PDB file of all heavy atoms in Angstrom:
ATOM      1  N   LYS A   1     -57.001 -34.528 -25.717  1.00  0.00           N
ATOM      2  CA  LYS A   1     -57.683 -33.849 -24.604  1.00  0.00           C
ATOM      3  C   LYS A   1     -59.205 -33.864 -24.767  1.00  0.00           C
ATOM      4  O   LYS A   1     -59.950 -33.977 -23.791  1.00  0.00           O
ATOM      5  CB  LYS A   1     -57.190 -32.408 -24.489  1.00  0.00           C
ATOM      6  CG  LYS A   1     -55.828 -32.258 -23.832  1.00  0.00           C
ATOM      7  CD  LYS A   1     -55.475 -30.799 -23.637  1.00  0.00           C
ATOM      8  CE  LYS A   1     -54.129 -30.652 -22.944  1.00  0.00           C
ATOM      9  NZ  LYS A   1     -54.163 -31.167 -21.561  1.00  0.00           N
ATOM     10  N   ARG A   2     -59.682 -33.737 -26.011  1.00  0.00           N
ATOM     11  CA  ARG A   2     -61.119 -33.658 -26.252  1.00  0.00           C
ATOM     12  C   ARG A   2     -61.862 -34.866 -25.707  1.00  0.00           C
ATOM     13  O   ARG A   2     -63.011 -34.751 -25.246  1.00  0.00           O
ATOM     14  CB  ARG A   2     -61.388 -33.531 -27.758  1.00  0.00           C
ATOM     15  CG  ARG A   2     -62.854 -33.413 -28.123  1.00  0.00           C
ATOM     16  CD  ARG A   2     -63.057 -33.388 -29.621  1.00  0.00           C
ATOM     17  NE  ARG A   2     -62.789 -34.692 -30.221  1.00  0.00           N
ATOM     18  CZ  ARG A   2     -62.953 -34.974 -31.510  1.00  0.00           C
ATOM     19  NH1 ARG A   2     -63.351 -34.035 -32.344  1.00  0.00           N
ATOM     20  NH2 ARG A   2     -62.699 -36.175 -31.976  1.00  0.00           N
ATOM     21  N   SER A   3     -61.199 -36.025 -25.723  1.00  0.00           N
ATOM     22  CA  SER A   3     -61.888 -37.256 -25.321  1.00  0.00           C
ATOM     23  C   SER A   3     -61.386 -37.809 -23.990  1.00  0.00           C
ATOM     24  O   SER A   3     -61.610 -38.988 -23.686  1.00  0.00           O
ATOM     25  CB  SER A   3     -61.748 -38.311 -26.416  1.00  0.00           C
ATOM     26  OG  SER A   3     -60.402 -38.470 -26.808  1.00  0.00           O
ATOM     27  N   GLN A   4     -60.714 -36.984 -23.204  1.00  0.00           N
ATOM     28  CA  GLN A   4     -60.355 -37.417 -21.852  1.00  0.00           C
ATOM     29  C   GLN A   4     -61.630 -37.557 -21.018  1.00  0.00           C
ATOM     30  O   GLN A   4     -62.453 -36.642 -20.965  1.00  0.00           O
ATOM     31  CB  GLN A   4     -59.409 -36.407 -21.204  1.00  0.00           C
ATOM     32  CG  GLN A   4     -58.000 -36.427 -21.793  1.00  0.00           C
ATOM     33  CD  GLN A   4     -57.106 -35.354 -21.185  1.00  0.00           C
ATOM     34  OE1 GLN A   4     -57.590 -34.341 -20.676  1.00  0.00           O
ATOM     35  NE2 GLN A   4     -55.804 -35.566 -21.251  1.00  0.00           N
ATOM     36  N   LEU A   5     -61.782 -38.695 -20.399  1.00  0.00           N
ATOM     37  CA  LEU A   5     -63.012 -38.983 -19.661  1.00  0.00           C
ATOM     38  C   LEU A   5     -62.968 -38.375 -18.260  1.00  0.00           C
ATOM     39  O   LEU A   5     -61.901 -38.261 -17.653  1.00  0.00           O
ATOM     40  CB  LEU A   5     -63.228 -40.490 -19.566  1.00  0.00           C
ATOM     41  CG  LEU A   5     -63.359 -41.242 -20.896  1.00  0.00           C
ATOM     42  CD1 LEU A   5     -63.600 -42.731 -20.642  1.00  0.00           C
ATOM     43  CD2 LEU A   5     -64.482 -40.662 -21.740  1.00  0.00           C
ATOM     44  N   GLU A   6     -64.158 -38.023 -17.781  1.00  0.00           N
ATOM     45  CA  GLU A   6     -64.312 -37.534 -16.420  1.00  0.00           C
ATOM     46  C   GLU A   6     -65.320 -38.403 -15.687  1.00  0.00           C
ATOM     47  O   GLU A   6     -66.160 -39.063 -16.310  1.00  0.00           O
ATOM     48  CB  GLU A   6     -64.791 -36.075 -16.422  1.00  0.00           C
ATOM     49  CG  GLU A   6     -63.793 -35.101 -17.027  1.00  0.00           C
ATOM     50  CD  GLU A   6     -64.268 -33.659 -16.935  1.00  0.00           C
ATOM     51  OE1 GLU A   6     -65.334 -33.412 -16.300  1.00  0.00           O
ATOM     52  OE2 GLU A   6     -63.584 -32.777 -17.489  1.00  0.00           O
ATOM     53  N   GLU A   7     -65.223 -38.398 -14.374  1.00  0.00           N
ATOM     54  CA  GLU A   7     -66.177 -39.153 -13.569  1.00  0.00           C
ATOM     55  C   GLU A   7     -67.610 -38.715 -13.894  1.00  0.00           C
ATOM     56  O   GLU A   7     -67.882 -37.528 -14.051  1.00  0.00           O
ATOM     57  CB  GLU A   7     -65.894 -38.935 -12.082  1.00  0.00           C
ATOM     58  CG  GLU A   7     -66.777 -39.765 -11.170  1.00  0.00           C
ATOM     59  CD  GLU A   7     -66.484 -39.539  -9.702  1.00  0.00           C
ATOM     60  OE1 GLU A   7     -65.644 -38.665  -9.385  1.00  0.00           O
ATOM     61  OE2 GLU A   7     -67.100 -40.239  -8.870  1.00  0.00           O
ATOM     62  N   ASN A   8     -68.492 -39.685 -14.040  1.00  0.00           N
ATOM     63  CA  ASN A   8     -69.921 -39.491 -14.326  1.00  0.00           C
ATOM     64  C   ASN A   8     -70.225 -39.134 -15.779  1.00  0.00           C
ATOM     65  O   ASN A   8     -71.387 -38.852 -16.109  1.00  0.00           O
ATOM     66  CB  ASN A   8     -70.545 -38.453 -13.394  1.00  0.00           C
ATOM     67  CG  ASN A   8     -70.613 -38.952 -11.962  1.00  0.00           C
ATOM     68  OD1 ASN A   8     -70.914 -40.113 -11.716  1.00  0.00           O
ATOM     69  ND2 ASN A   8     -70.310 -38.080 -11.011  1.00  0.00           N
ATOM     70  N   ASP A   9     -69.225 -39.141 -16.657  1.00  0.00           N
ATOM     71  CA  ASP A   9     -69.529 -39.059 -18.087  1.00  0.00           C
ATOM     72  C   ASP A   9     -70.362 -40.281 -18.474  1.00  0.00           C
ATOM     73  O   ASP A   9     -70.140 -41.384 -17.955  1.00  0.00           O
ATOM     74  CB  ASP A   9     -68.245 -39.069 -18.931  1.00  0.00           C
ATOM     75  CG  ASP A   9     -67.539 -37.727 -18.948  1.00  0.00           C
ATOM     76  OD1 ASP A   9     -68.137 -36.725 -18.536  1.00  0.00           O
ATOM     77  OD2 ASP A   9     -66.362 -37.693 -19.394  1.00  0.00           O
ATOM     78  N   ILE A  10     -71.300 -40.090 -19.393  1.00  0.00           N
ATOM     79  CA  ILE A  10     -72.052 -41.220 -19.941  1.00  0.00           C
ATOM     80  C   ILE A  10     -71.444 -41.584 -21.290  1.00  0.00           C
ATOM     81  O   ILE A  10     -71.234 -40.708 -22.136  1.00  0.00           O
ATOM     82  CB  ILE A  10     -73.542 -40.868 -20.113  1.00  0.00           C
ATOM     83  CG1 ILE A  10     -74.188 -40.614 -18.748  1.00  0.00           C
ATOM     84  CG2 ILE A  10     -74.283 -42.003 -20.829  1.00  0.00           C
ATOM     85  CD1 ILE A  10     -75.636 -40.160 -18.834  1.00  0.00           C
ATOM     86  N   LEU A  11     -71.133 -42.860 -21.471  1.00  0.00           N
ATOM     87  CA  LEU A  11     -70.634 -43.346 -22.754  1.00  0.00           C
ATOM     88  C   LEU A  11     -71.771 -44.063 -23.480  1.00  0.00           C
ATOM     89  O   LEU A  11     -72.514 -44.836 -22.879  1.00  0.00           O
ATOM     90  CB  LEU A  11     -69.449 -44.289 -22.557  1.00  0.00           C
ATOM     91  CG  LEU A  11     -68.210 -43.701 -21.867  1.00  0.00           C
ATOM     92  CD1 LEU A  11     -67.097 -44.737 -21.815  1.00  0.00           C
ATOM     93  CD2 LEU A  11     -67.736 -42.441 -22.580  1.00  0.00           C
ATOM     94  N   PHE A  12     -71.875 -43.804 -24.795  1.00  0.00           N
ATOM     95  CA  PHE A  12     -72.938 -44.387 -25.620  1.00  0.00           C
ATOM     96  C   PHE A  12     -72.307 -44.806 -26.941  1.00  0.00           C
ATOM     97  O   PHE A  12     -71.768 -43.972 -27.668  1.00  0.00           O
ATOM     98  CB  PHE A  12     -74.036 -43.342 -25.847  1.00  0.00           C
ATOM     99  CG  PHE A  12     -75.257 -43.857 -26.577  1.00  0.00           C
ATOM    100  CD1 PHE A  12     -76.331 -44.369 -25.879  1.00  0.00           C
ATOM    101  CD2 PHE A  12     -75.324 -43.811 -27.961  1.00  0.00           C
ATOM    102  CE1 PHE A  12     -77.461 -44.827 -26.550  1.00  0.00           C
ATOM    103  CE2 PHE A  12     -76.440 -44.270 -28.643  1.00  0.00           C
ATOM    104  CZ  PHE A  12     -77.516 -44.785 -27.931  1.00  0.00           C
ATOM    105  N   SER A  13     -72.347 -46.106 -27.244  1.00  0.00           N
ATOM    106  CA  SER A  13     -71.687 -46.586 -28.464  1.00  0.00           C
ATOM    107  C   SER A  13     -72.465 -46.151 -29.701  1.00  0.00           C
ATOM    108  O   SER A  13     -73.682 -46.291 -29.769  1.00  0.00           O
ATOM    109  CB  SER A  13     -71.532 -48.107 -28.443  1.00  0.00           C
ATOM    110  OG  SER A  13     -72.779 -48.748 -28.325  1.00  0.00           O
ATOM    111  N   ILE A  14     -71.743 -45.590 -30.678  1.00  0.00           N
ATOM    112  CA  ILE A  14     -72.376 -45.024 -31.872  1.00  0.00           C
ATOM    113  C   ILE A  14     -71.928 -45.718 -33.156  1.00  0.00           C
ATOM    114  O   ILE A  14     -72.286 -45.297 -34.254  1.00  0.00           O
ATOM    115  CB  ILE A  14     -72.099 -43.512 -31.981  1.00  0.00           C
ATOM    116  CG1 ILE A  14     -70.596 -43.217 -31.973  1.00  0.00           C
ATOM    117  CG2 ILE A  14     -72.795 -42.764 -30.850  1.00  0.00           C
ATOM    118  CD1 ILE A  14     -70.250 -41.741 -32.169  1.00  0.00           C
ATOM    119  N   ALA A  15     -71.163 -46.801 -33.020  1.00  0.00           N
ATOM    120  CA  ALA A  15     -70.736 -47.575 -34.193  1.00  0.00           C
ATOM    121  C   ALA A  15     -70.683 -49.044 -33.810  1.00  0.00           C
ATOM    122  O   ALA A  15     -70.403 -49.387 -32.659  1.00  0.00           O
ATOM    123  CB  ALA A  15     -69.371 -47.105 -34.682  1.00  0.00           C
ATOM    124  N   GLY A  16     -70.963 -49.919 -34.768  1.00  0.00           N
ATOM    125  CA  GLY A  16     -70.932 -51.350 -34.484  1.00  0.00           C
ATOM    126  C   GLY A  16     -72.093 -51.757 -33.600  1.00  0.00           C
ATOM    127  O   GLY A  16     -73.246 -51.730 -34.009  1.00  0.00           O
ATOM    128  N   ALA A  17     -71.787 -52.112 -32.351  1.00  0.00           N
ATOM    129  CA  ALA A  17     -72.830 -52.495 -31.383  1.00  0.00           C
ATOM    130  C   ALA A  17     -73.470 -51.233 -30.815  1.00  0.00           C
ATOM    131  O   ALA A  17     -73.184 -50.815 -29.695  1.00  0.00           O
ATOM    132  CB  ALA A  17     -72.226 -53.347 -30.267  1.00  0.00           C
ATOM    133  N   ILE A  18     -74.335 -50.618 -31.593  1.00  0.00           N
ATOM    134  CA  ILE A  18     -74.916 -49.322 -31.225  1.00  0.00           C
ATOM    135  C   ILE A  18     -75.804 -49.439 -29.985  1.00  0.00           C
ATOM    136  O   ILE A  18     -76.586 -50.377 -29.854  1.00  0.00           O
ATOM    137  CB  ILE A  18     -75.712 -48.738 -32.404  1.00  0.00           C
ATOM    138  CG1 ILE A  18     -74.740 -48.273 -33.497  1.00  0.00           C
ATOM    139  CG2 ILE A  18     -76.604 -47.584 -31.969  1.00  0.00           C
ATOM    140  CD1 ILE A  18     -75.406 -47.751 -34.736  1.00  0.00           C
ATOM    141  N   GLY A  19     -75.649 -48.456 -29.070  1.00  0.00           N
ATOM    142  CA  GLY A  19     -76.528 -48.376 -27.920  1.00  0.00           C
ATOM    143  C   GLY A  19     -75.984 -48.921 -26.626  1.00  0.00           C
ATOM    144  O   GLY A  19     -76.666 -48.905 -25.601  1.00  0.00           O
ATOM    145  N   ARG A  20     -74.739 -49.398 -26.617  1.00  0.00           N
ATOM    146  CA  ARG A  20     -74.152 -49.866 -25.360  1.00  0.00           C
ATOM    147  C   ARG A  20     -73.832 -48.644 -24.486  1.00  0.00           C
ATOM    148  O   ARG A  20     -73.248 -47.676 -24.966  1.00  0.00           O
ATOM    149  CB  ARG A  20     -72.899 -50.693 -25.633  1.00  0.00           C
ATOM    150  CG  ARG A  20     -72.425 -51.496 -24.446  1.00  0.00           C
ATOM    151  CD  ARG A  20     -71.481 -52.606 -24.852  1.00  0.00           C
ATOM    152  NE  ARG A  20     -72.164 -53.618 -25.661  1.00  0.00           N
ATOM    153  CZ  ARG A  20     -71.597 -54.762 -26.024  1.00  0.00           C
ATOM    154  NH1 ARG A  20     -70.352 -55.039 -25.666  1.00  0.00           N
ATOM    155  NH2 ARG A  20     -72.272 -55.633 -26.747  1.00  0.00           N
ATOM    156  N   THR A  21     -74.198 -48.676 -23.222  1.00  0.00           N
ATOM    157  CA  THR A  21     -74.094 -47.493 -22.368  1.00  0.00           C
ATOM    158  C   THR A  21     -73.396 -47.806 -21.054  1.00  0.00           C
ATOM    159  O   THR A  21     -73.418 -48.946 -20.573  1.00  0.00           O
ATOM    160  CB  THR A  21     -75.487 -46.923 -22.044  1.00  0.00           C
ATOM    161  OG1 THR A  21     -76.268 -47.952 -21.432  1.00  0.00           O
ATOM    162  CG2 THR A  21     -76.191 -46.430 -23.290  1.00  0.00           C
ATOM    163  N   ALA A  22     -72.795 -46.774 -20.459  1.00  0.00           N
ATOM    164  CA  ALA A  22     -72.168 -46.911 -19.146  1.00  0.00           C
ATOM    165  C   ALA A  22     -71.904 -45.528 -18.571  1.00  0.00           C
ATOM    166  O   ALA A  22     -71.762 -44.551 -19.316  1.00  0.00           O
ATOM    167  CB  ALA A  22     -70.867 -47.701 -19.241  1.00  0.00           C
ATOM    168  N   ILE A  23     -71.836 -45.448 -17.249  1.00  0.00           N
ATOM    169  CA  ILE A  23     -71.433 -44.225 -16.563  1.00  0.00           C
ATOM    170  C   ILE A  23     -70.005 -44.417 -16.060  1.00  0.00           C
ATOM    171  O   ILE A  23     -69.687 -45.425 -15.423  1.00  0.00           O
ATOM    172  CB  ILE A  23     -72.375 -43.903 -15.388  1.00  0.00           C
ATOM    173  CG1 ILE A  23     -73.781 -43.581 -15.908  1.00  0.00           C
ATOM    174  CG2 ILE A  23     -71.842 -42.726 -14.576  1.00  0.00           C
ATOM    175  CD1 ILE A  23     -74.800 -43.292 -14.813  1.00  0.00           C
ATOM    176  N   VAL A  24     -69.131 -43.467 -16.351  1.00  0.00           N
ATOM    177  CA  VAL A  24     -67.717 -43.580 -16.020  1.00  0.00           C
ATOM    178  C   VAL A  24     -67.512 -43.433 -14.507  1.00  0.00           C
ATOM    179  O   VAL A  24     -67.878 -42.404 -13.928  1.00  0.00           O
ATOM    180  CB  VAL A  24     -66.892 -42.502 -16.759  1.00  0.00           C
ATOM    181  CG1 VAL A  24     -65.428 -42.548 -16.315  1.00  0.00           C
ATOM    182  CG2 VAL A  24     -67.009 -42.700 -18.274  1.00  0.00           C
ATOM    183  N   PRO A  25     -66.924 -44.448 -13.852  1.00  0.00           N
ATOM    184  CA  PRO A  25     -66.620 -44.330 -12.425  1.00  0.00           C
ATOM    185  C   PRO A  25     -65.218 -43.754 -12.218  1.00  0.00           C
ATOM    186  O   PRO A  25     -64.370 -43.828 -13.114  1.00  0.00           O
ATOM    187  CB  PRO A  25     -66.667 -45.792 -11.952  1.00  0.00           C
ATOM    188  CG  PRO A  25     -66.185 -46.564 -13.140  1.00  0.00           C
ATOM    189  CD  PRO A  25     -66.650 -45.804 -14.361  1.00  0.00           C
ATOM    190  N   ARG A  26     -64.971 -43.210 -11.054  1.00  0.00           N
ATOM    191  CA  ARG A  26     -63.657 -42.640 -10.760  1.00  0.00           C
ATOM    192  C   ARG A  26     -62.558 -43.705 -10.835  1.00  0.00           C
ATOM    193  O   ARG A  26     -61.406 -43.404 -11.180  1.00  0.00           O
ATOM    194  CB  ARG A  26     -63.676 -42.015  -9.363  1.00  0.00           C
ATOM    195  CG  ARG A  26     -62.368 -41.333  -8.959  1.00  0.00           C
ATOM    196  CD  ARG A  26     -62.445 -40.773  -7.549  1.00  0.00           C
ATOM    197  NE  ARG A  26     -63.526 -39.819  -7.430  1.00  0.00           N
ATOM    198  CZ  ARG A  26     -63.870 -39.230  -6.283  1.00  0.00           C
ATOM    199  NH1 ARG A  26     -63.215 -39.531  -5.164  1.00  0.00           N
ATOM    200  NH2 ARG A  26     -64.858 -38.362  -6.246  1.00  0.00           N
ATOM    201  N   SER A  27     -62.914 -44.960 -10.541  1.00  0.00           N
ATOM    202  CA  SER A  27     -61.917 -46.025 -10.429  1.00  0.00           C
ATOM    203  C   SER A  27     -61.165 -46.322 -11.721  1.00  0.00           C
ATOM    204  O   SER A  27     -60.073 -46.888 -11.680  1.00  0.00           O
ATOM    205  CB  SER A  27     -62.581 -47.311  -9.934  1.00  0.00           C
ATOM    206  OG  SER A  27     -63.601 -47.729 -10.831  1.00  0.00           O
ATOM    207  N   ILE A  28     -61.719 -45.965 -12.894  1.00  0.00           N
ATOM    208  CA  ILE A  28     -61.020 -46.287 -14.150  1.00  0.00           C
ATOM    209  C   ILE A  28     -60.201 -45.116 -14.671  1.00  0.00           C
ATOM    210  O   ILE A  28     -59.529 -45.230 -15.695  1.00  0.00           O
ATOM    211  CB  ILE A  28     -61.992 -46.768 -15.248  1.00  0.00           C
ATOM    212  CG1 ILE A  28     -62.814 -45.605 -15.809  1.00  0.00           C
ATOM    213  CG2 ILE A  28     -62.881 -47.891 -14.746  1.00  0.00           C
ATOM    214  CD1 ILE A  28     -63.492 -45.933 -17.119  1.00  0.00           C
TER     215      ILE A  28
END
């Protein structure tokens, strides 16, 4: 439950390829 995504959450990669970003759309 802690990591269930919601629309408009911002994702930011913190391991490996650090700094990859995206805004979560409703479609996924």
